[in-house]
Amino acid sequence: MRRRSLLALAAGPPLVPLSLPALAQPRPWPDRPLRLVVPFPPGGAIDAMARILAGPMAEALGQPVVVENRPGAGGTTGTGAAAQAPDGHTLLMVSIAHAVNPALYPRLPYAEADFVPVGPVAVVPNILVVPAARQWRSVAELVAEARRRPGALTYASAGSGTSIHLAGALFADLAGLTLEHVPYRGSAPAVTDLVAGRVDMMFDSVTSAGPHIGSGRLVPLAVTTSQRIVALPGLPTMAQAGVPGFAVDPWFAMLAPRAVPVAARPSLSALLSRLLADPAVAERLARIGAEPMTGDTASLARLLAEETARWGAFIRRAGIQPE
C-alpha cells in the first residue's frame, strides 16, 4: 500500500486536458459582391455575354455579380483597372483584343502575369456587312470595286485592335486592297453610321449586325470564322468567298486578377464550365450569336499564348498603330 502511494506521488497530479484555441477557419469566398469588369462600352457582344453570365454566377456564388463597363484604349483601360483591384472580388471579361494589345500598345497599364485564366467563354462570329444601298452582293464584287478605286472604300470598326478592326486589316492584306480604317468608340456608333451609309463596310459581330440584317438595312457577304455558323448557315466563310487563308474566330474569355484567392480559383473555373454547359445559358448565348467554347484554364492559357504570337506578328508586319 505504501509502495502504491509513493508511485502515485512520483507520477504527479492527474493531467487536466488543455483548452487549445480553435484554429482560424478560412473565410468563405466570395464574402461580398463581385465586380465583373467589361473593358468595352455597353451594347456589344462582350457586354451582353457578361450580363448573361452574371445572373447565374450570382445565384451559384450567393453574392451579387455587378457588371462594370470600363472602356478605353482598346480595352486596356478597364483591364488595367481590374489588374490593380486589391479586393480579390474582381473578375475580368476579355476578347481577342487582349492578345492583340501587347503588340499594339508598348506600355500597358498591366502585365500578363497580373492575371490567371478562369476559362474560355464563347466565340461570337463577325460578319462582313455592307449597307443595303450599296450595290455589292458578294465579296468578289466588293473586292473588284476596291481594286477599281484604291483607298476610296472605308471600313468601320469598334476601335483599334478589336477583332472587327483586325478582320478588316487582314481582309485588305490578304486580298491586296487599300482600304481606309474608320475606328469608333464601340460597335454601336459604328453600326449607326454603317446603316446610314457613311462608311462602306464593317466586320461586325453577329450580335449587333443580326437585327439590321433581319430588317434588310445591312447585307451580309461572308463570315470571318473558319467554319460556317449556325445562325446563318447559308453564308460562306471569307475563305470560301474568295479570300484564301482568311480566318478570324473572335473569342471571349474570363480572367481573374491574382488577388483572387488561390483556393477559390478551381471552383470558379468549374462554375464557369458548368454554366456554359447549362442549356438555359447556352440558349441565351445563342440569341446573341455566341457559340459556347469548351476548355479549362490550361487550354485558355494556350489560346492566349498562340493568339498573342499570331496577332503580334501580323500587327508588326502590317504596321498597325492605335488611333
Protein backbone atom coordinates (compact mmCIF):
# COMPACT_ATOMS: atom_id res chain seq x y z
CA MET A 1 0.00 0.00 0.00
CA ARG A 2 2.80 2.37 0.94
CA ARG A 3 4.56 1.47 -2.35
CA ARG A 4 1.43 2.41 -4.43
CA SER A 5 1.21 5.75 -2.64
CA LEU A 6 4.85 6.57 -3.38
CA LEU A 7 4.36 5.72 -7.04
CA ALA A 8 1.32 7.98 -7.19
CA LEU A 9 3.30 10.85 -5.70
CA ALA A 10 6.11 10.31 -8.18
CA ALA A 11 3.66 10.42 -11.09
CA GLY A 12 2.43 13.88 -10.01
CA PRO A 13 -1.09 15.28 -10.06
CA PRO A 14 -3.58 13.94 -12.60
CA LEU A 15 -3.38 15.54 -16.08
CA VAL A 16 -6.02 18.12 -16.91
CA PRO A 17 -6.97 18.39 -20.61
CA LEU A 18 -5.63 21.60 -22.15
CA SER A 19 -8.11 24.02 -23.71
CA LEU A 20 -6.47 24.85 -27.09
CA PRO A 21 -7.64 27.86 -29.08
CA ALA A 22 -9.70 26.95 -32.15
CA LEU A 23 -7.79 27.05 -35.44
CA ALA A 24 -8.71 30.01 -37.62
CA GLN A 25 -11.04 28.92 -40.41
CA PRO A 26 -10.55 30.39 -43.92
CA ARG A 27 -13.16 32.97 -44.79
CA PRO A 28 -15.62 31.82 -47.45
CA TRP A 29 -15.18 33.29 -50.93
CA PRO A 30 -16.86 35.40 -52.06
CA ASP A 31 -17.90 37.17 -48.90
CA ARG A 32 -19.05 40.35 -50.66
CA PRO A 33 -20.40 41.37 -54.10
CA LEU A 34 -18.23 40.66 -57.14
CA ARG A 35 -17.36 43.06 -59.95
CA LEU A 36 -17.21 41.66 -63.48
CA VAL A 37 -15.26 44.26 -65.46
CA VAL A 38 -16.02 44.62 -69.17
CA PRO A 39 -13.30 46.81 -70.73
CA PHE A 40 -15.59 47.97 -73.57
CA PRO A 41 -18.74 50.12 -73.81
CA PRO A 42 -22.23 48.71 -73.23
CA GLY A 43 -24.12 47.24 -76.15
CA GLY A 44 -21.53 44.96 -77.72
CA ALA A 45 -21.22 41.19 -77.69
CA ILE A 46 -18.81 41.08 -74.74
CA ASP A 47 -21.16 43.24 -72.65
CA ALA A 48 -24.17 41.07 -73.48
CA MET A 49 -22.19 37.92 -72.68
CA ALA A 50 -21.09 39.25 -69.29
CA ARG A 51 -24.67 40.11 -68.36
CA ILE A 52 -25.89 36.65 -69.38
CA LEU A 53 -23.30 35.05 -67.10
CA ALA A 54 -23.65 37.48 -64.17
CA GLY A 55 -27.10 36.30 -63.06
CA PRO A 56 -26.44 32.55 -62.79
CA MET A 57 -22.98 33.23 -61.33
CA ALA A 58 -24.54 35.34 -58.58
CA GLU A 59 -27.09 32.63 -57.84
CA ALA A 60 -24.39 29.95 -57.60
CA LEU A 61 -21.98 32.03 -55.51
CA GLY A 62 -24.55 33.58 -53.19
CA GLN A 63 -23.32 37.12 -53.86
CA PRO A 64 -24.33 39.77 -56.41
CA VAL A 65 -22.20 39.95 -59.58
CA VAL A 66 -22.18 43.53 -60.88
CA VAL A 67 -21.12 44.15 -64.49
CA GLU A 68 -18.96 47.27 -64.71
CA ASN A 69 -18.09 48.80 -68.11
CA ARG A 70 -14.66 50.45 -68.15
CA PRO A 71 -13.98 51.28 -71.84
CA GLY A 72 -10.96 52.99 -73.34
CA ALA A 73 -7.76 52.41 -75.31
CA GLY A 74 -8.83 49.18 -76.97
CA GLY A 75 -9.76 47.55 -73.68
CA THR A 76 -6.54 48.36 -71.86
CA THR A 77 -8.10 50.93 -69.50
CA GLY A 78 -10.56 48.51 -67.95
CA THR A 79 -8.03 45.69 -67.95
CA GLY A 80 -5.57 47.88 -66.08
CA ALA A 81 -8.23 48.82 -63.54
CA ALA A 82 -9.03 45.15 -62.95
CA ALA A 83 -5.36 44.28 -62.53
CA GLN A 84 -4.99 46.90 -59.81
CA ALA A 85 -8.10 45.83 -57.86
CA PRO A 86 -6.79 44.65 -54.47
CA ASP A 87 -10.03 43.25 -53.05
CA GLY A 88 -9.89 39.75 -54.54
CA HIS A 89 -13.52 40.17 -55.66
CA THR A 90 -12.98 41.44 -59.20
CA LEU A 91 -13.18 39.38 -62.41
CA LEU A 92 -12.47 40.42 -66.00
CA MET A 93 -14.04 39.59 -69.35
CA VAL A 94 -11.63 39.80 -72.27
CA SER A 95 -11.85 39.45 -76.02
CA ILE A 96 -9.34 38.68 -78.74
CA ALA A 97 -8.14 42.26 -78.21
CA HIS A 98 -6.39 41.04 -75.06
CA ALA A 99 -3.99 39.06 -77.26
CA VAL A 100 -3.59 41.98 -79.66
CA ASN A 101 -2.86 44.80 -77.24
CA PRO A 102 0.69 43.80 -76.23
CA ALA A 103 1.80 44.48 -79.82
CA LEU A 104 -0.43 47.49 -80.27
CA TYR A 105 0.39 49.32 -77.02
CA PRO A 106 4.05 49.20 -75.96
CA ARG A 107 3.26 50.44 -72.43
CA LEU A 108 0.29 48.62 -70.99
CA PRO A 109 -1.08 49.51 -67.53
CA TYR A 110 -0.83 45.82 -66.58
CA ALA A 111 1.26 42.71 -67.20
CA GLU A 112 0.02 39.32 -68.33
CA ALA A 113 1.31 37.94 -65.03
CA ASP A 114 -1.27 40.11 -63.23
CA PHE A 115 -4.00 37.66 -64.28
CA VAL A 116 -4.77 33.97 -64.11
CA PRO A 117 -7.11 32.23 -66.58
CA VAL A 118 -10.59 31.27 -65.40
CA GLY A 119 -11.76 29.75 -68.67
CA PRO A 120 -12.81 30.30 -72.29
CA VAL A 121 -16.37 31.52 -72.74
CA ALA A 122 -17.59 31.73 -76.35
CA VAL A 123 -16.92 32.63 -79.94
CA VAL A 124 -19.07 35.35 -81.49
CA PRO A 125 -18.62 35.30 -85.28
CA ASN A 126 -18.01 38.51 -87.15
CA ILE A 127 -19.78 39.09 -90.45
CA LEU A 128 -18.73 41.25 -93.37
CA VAL A 129 -21.74 43.52 -93.91
CA VAL A 130 -22.42 46.43 -96.25
CA PRO A 131 -25.27 48.98 -96.34
CA ALA A 132 -28.25 47.80 -98.36
CA ALA A 133 -27.92 50.93 -100.51
CA ARG A 134 -24.56 49.74 -101.84
CA GLN A 135 -24.59 47.57 -104.95
CA TRP A 136 -22.27 44.78 -103.74
CA ARG A 137 -23.84 41.41 -103.08
CA SER A 138 -20.71 39.25 -102.85
CA VAL A 139 -17.15 39.51 -101.60
CA ALA A 140 -15.94 39.26 -105.20
CA GLU A 141 -17.97 42.32 -106.20
CA LEU A 142 -16.68 44.27 -103.22
CA VAL A 143 -13.07 43.30 -103.99
CA ALA A 144 -13.49 44.34 -107.62
CA GLU A 145 -14.82 47.76 -106.57
CA ALA A 146 -11.98 48.26 -104.08
CA ARG A 147 -9.43 47.46 -106.75
CA ARG A 148 -11.03 49.92 -109.17
CA ARG A 149 -10.83 52.67 -106.54
CA PRO A 150 -7.78 52.09 -104.31
CA GLY A 151 -8.09 53.88 -100.96
CA ALA A 152 -11.63 55.10 -101.63
CA LEU A 153 -13.59 52.49 -99.68
CA THR A 154 -13.85 52.65 -95.90
CA TYR A 155 -14.38 50.03 -93.21
CA ALA A 156 -15.65 50.83 -89.74
CA SER A 157 -14.56 49.19 -86.51
CA ALA A 158 -15.37 49.30 -82.81
CA GLY A 159 -11.86 50.62 -82.15
CA SER A 160 -8.25 49.88 -82.96
CA GLY A 161 -7.17 46.39 -82.06
CA THR A 162 -10.66 44.92 -81.79
CA SER A 163 -11.45 41.76 -83.74
CA ILE A 164 -13.55 43.95 -86.04
CA HIS A 165 -10.51 46.06 -86.89
CA LEU A 166 -8.22 43.07 -87.30
CA ALA A 167 -10.67 41.35 -89.63
CA GLY A 168 -10.75 44.42 -91.87
CA ALA A 169 -6.97 44.79 -91.86
CA LEU A 170 -6.49 41.08 -92.61
CA PHE A 171 -9.03 41.30 -95.46
CA ALA A 172 -7.14 44.21 -97.02
CA ASP A 173 -3.82 42.42 -96.56
CA LEU A 174 -4.82 39.04 -98.00
CA ALA A 175 -6.87 40.50 -100.87
CA GLY A 176 -4.21 43.09 -101.74
CA LEU A 177 -6.55 46.05 -101.18
CA THR A 178 -6.08 49.59 -99.92
CA LEU A 179 -8.93 50.41 -97.54
CA GLU A 180 -9.38 53.28 -95.09
CA HIS A 181 -9.98 52.28 -91.46
CA VAL A 182 -12.53 54.37 -89.56
CA PRO A 183 -12.42 53.49 -85.82
CA TYR A 184 -15.29 54.28 -83.45
CA ARG A 185 -15.71 54.12 -79.70
CA GLY A 186 -17.60 50.86 -79.64
CA SER A 187 -19.68 48.87 -82.07
CA ALA A 188 -22.99 50.72 -81.66
CA PRO A 189 -21.94 54.11 -83.14
CA ALA A 190 -20.06 52.33 -85.93
CA VAL A 191 -23.15 50.35 -86.92
CA THR A 192 -25.25 53.53 -86.82
CA ASP A 193 -23.00 55.15 -89.42
CA LEU A 194 -22.81 51.94 -91.44
CA VAL A 195 -26.59 51.65 -91.68
CA ALA A 196 -26.73 55.34 -92.69
CA GLY A 197 -24.20 54.68 -95.45
CA ARG A 198 -21.47 56.93 -94.06
CA VAL A 199 -18.98 54.05 -94.28
CA ASP A 200 -18.82 51.28 -96.85
CA MET A 201 -18.36 48.06 -94.87
CA MET A 202 -17.77 46.55 -91.46
CA PHE A 203 -16.79 43.20 -89.99
CA ASP A 204 -19.41 43.44 -87.27
CA SER A 205 -20.37 40.82 -84.71
CA VAL A 206 -23.46 38.77 -85.44
CA THR A 207 -24.83 40.14 -82.14
CA SER A 208 -25.18 43.73 -83.31
CA ALA A 209 -25.42 43.12 -87.07
CA GLY A 210 -28.15 40.48 -86.81
CA PRO A 211 -31.15 42.80 -86.26
CA HIS A 212 -30.07 45.05 -89.14
CA ILE A 213 -29.58 42.06 -91.42
CA GLY A 214 -33.07 40.89 -90.45
CA SER A 215 -34.56 44.30 -91.24
CA GLY A 216 -32.81 44.44 -94.61
CA ARG A 217 -30.77 47.55 -93.80
CA LEU A 218 -27.47 45.62 -93.92
CA VAL A 219 -26.46 42.91 -96.39
CA PRO A 220 -24.16 40.07 -95.18
CA LEU A 221 -21.46 38.90 -97.57
CA ALA A 222 -19.43 36.37 -95.54
CA VAL A 223 -18.46 35.22 -92.03
CA THR A 224 -14.94 35.61 -90.69
CA THR A 225 -14.78 32.27 -88.90
CA SER A 226 -13.01 29.16 -90.13
CA GLN A 227 -16.37 27.34 -90.38
CA ARG A 228 -19.87 28.36 -91.38
CA ILE A 229 -22.07 29.38 -88.47
CA VAL A 230 -25.36 28.05 -87.10
CA ALA A 231 -27.08 31.46 -87.17
CA LEU A 232 -26.53 31.94 -90.93
CA PRO A 233 -25.70 28.53 -92.41
CA GLY A 234 -26.06 29.71 -96.00
CA LEU A 235 -23.42 32.42 -95.62
CA PRO A 236 -19.95 31.45 -96.90
CA THR A 237 -16.77 31.93 -94.93
CA MET A 238 -14.35 34.57 -96.19
CA ALA A 239 -12.06 31.79 -97.43
CA GLN A 240 -14.95 30.19 -99.34
CA ALA A 241 -15.90 33.60 -100.73
CA GLY A 242 -12.52 34.03 -102.40
CA VAL A 243 -10.03 35.18 -99.74
CA PRO A 244 -7.83 32.10 -99.09
CA GLY A 245 -6.20 31.90 -95.68
CA PHE A 246 -8.70 34.23 -94.02
CA ALA A 247 -9.91 33.04 -90.60
CA VAL A 248 -10.74 35.13 -87.54
CA ASP A 249 -12.61 33.37 -84.75
CA PRO A 250 -13.41 36.15 -82.26
CA TRP A 251 -13.18 34.51 -78.85
CA PHE A 252 -14.10 35.76 -75.40
CA ALA A 253 -12.78 34.55 -72.06
CA MET A 254 -12.76 35.25 -68.34
CA LEU A 255 -9.66 36.10 -66.33
CA ALA A 256 -9.10 36.74 -62.63
CA PRO A 257 -6.62 39.16 -61.07
CA ARG A 258 -4.06 37.40 -58.89
CA ALA A 259 -5.72 38.97 -55.85
CA VAL A 260 -8.50 36.36 -56.15
CA PRO A 261 -7.62 33.70 -53.54
CA VAL A 262 -5.75 30.69 -54.88
CA ALA A 263 -8.13 28.32 -53.11
CA ALA A 264 -11.12 29.87 -54.88
CA ARG A 265 -9.79 29.62 -58.43
CA PRO A 266 -10.51 25.94 -59.23
CA SER A 267 -14.13 26.17 -58.09
CA LEU A 268 -14.57 29.42 -60.03
CA SER A 269 -13.29 27.77 -63.22
CA ALA A 270 -15.51 24.74 -62.63
CA LEU A 271 -18.51 27.02 -62.14
CA LEU A 272 -17.89 28.78 -65.45
CA SER A 273 -17.69 25.43 -67.27
CA ARG A 274 -20.95 24.27 -65.66
CA LEU A 275 -22.74 27.46 -66.65
CA LEU A 276 -21.62 27.23 -70.28
CA ALA A 277 -22.91 23.64 -70.40
CA ASP A 278 -26.28 24.69 -68.94
CA PRO A 279 -28.95 24.61 -71.71
CA ALA A 280 -30.62 27.77 -70.38
CA VAL A 281 -27.36 29.74 -70.53
CA ALA A 282 -26.48 28.26 -73.94
CA GLU A 283 -29.88 29.31 -75.27
CA ARG A 284 -29.39 32.89 -74.11
CA LEU A 285 -25.92 32.97 -75.65
CA ALA A 286 -27.32 31.63 -78.92
CA ARG A 287 -29.72 34.57 -79.06
CA ILE A 288 -26.75 36.92 -79.39
CA GLY A 289 -24.99 34.62 -81.86
CA ALA A 290 -22.47 33.31 -79.33
CA GLU A 291 -21.28 29.72 -79.52
CA PRO A 292 -20.01 28.42 -76.13
CA MET A 293 -16.42 27.19 -76.00
CA THR A 294 -15.20 24.14 -74.14
CA GLY A 295 -11.91 24.09 -72.26
CA ASP A 296 -10.25 24.87 -68.97
CA THR A 297 -7.57 27.12 -67.53
CA ALA A 298 -4.81 25.25 -69.37
CA SER A 299 -6.49 25.47 -72.78
CA LEU A 300 -7.17 29.17 -72.25
CA ALA A 301 -3.53 29.76 -71.35
CA ARG A 302 -2.50 28.05 -74.61
CA LEU A 303 -5.02 30.08 -76.62
CA LEU A 304 -3.73 33.34 -75.15
CA ALA A 305 -0.12 32.43 -75.97
CA GLU A 306 -0.91 31.32 -79.53
CA GLU A 307 -3.13 34.28 -80.37
CA THR A 308 -0.69 36.79 -78.87
CA ALA A 309 2.08 35.41 -81.09
CA ARG A 310 -0.13 35.28 -84.20
CA TRP A 311 -1.56 38.78 -83.99
CA GLY A 312 1.66 40.30 -82.75
CA ALA A 313 3.42 39.11 -85.91
CA PHE A 314 0.60 40.40 -88.13
CA ILE A 315 0.43 43.81 -86.44
CA ARG A 316 4.17 44.32 -86.81
CA ARG A 317 4.13 43.24 -90.46
CA ALA A 318 1.07 45.36 -91.31
CA GLY A 319 2.32 48.35 -89.34
CA ILE A 320 -0.97 48.74 -87.44
CA GLN A 321 -0.96 51.57 -84.91
CA PRO A 322 -3.52 52.59 -82.27
CA GLU A 323 -5.66 55.54 -83.37
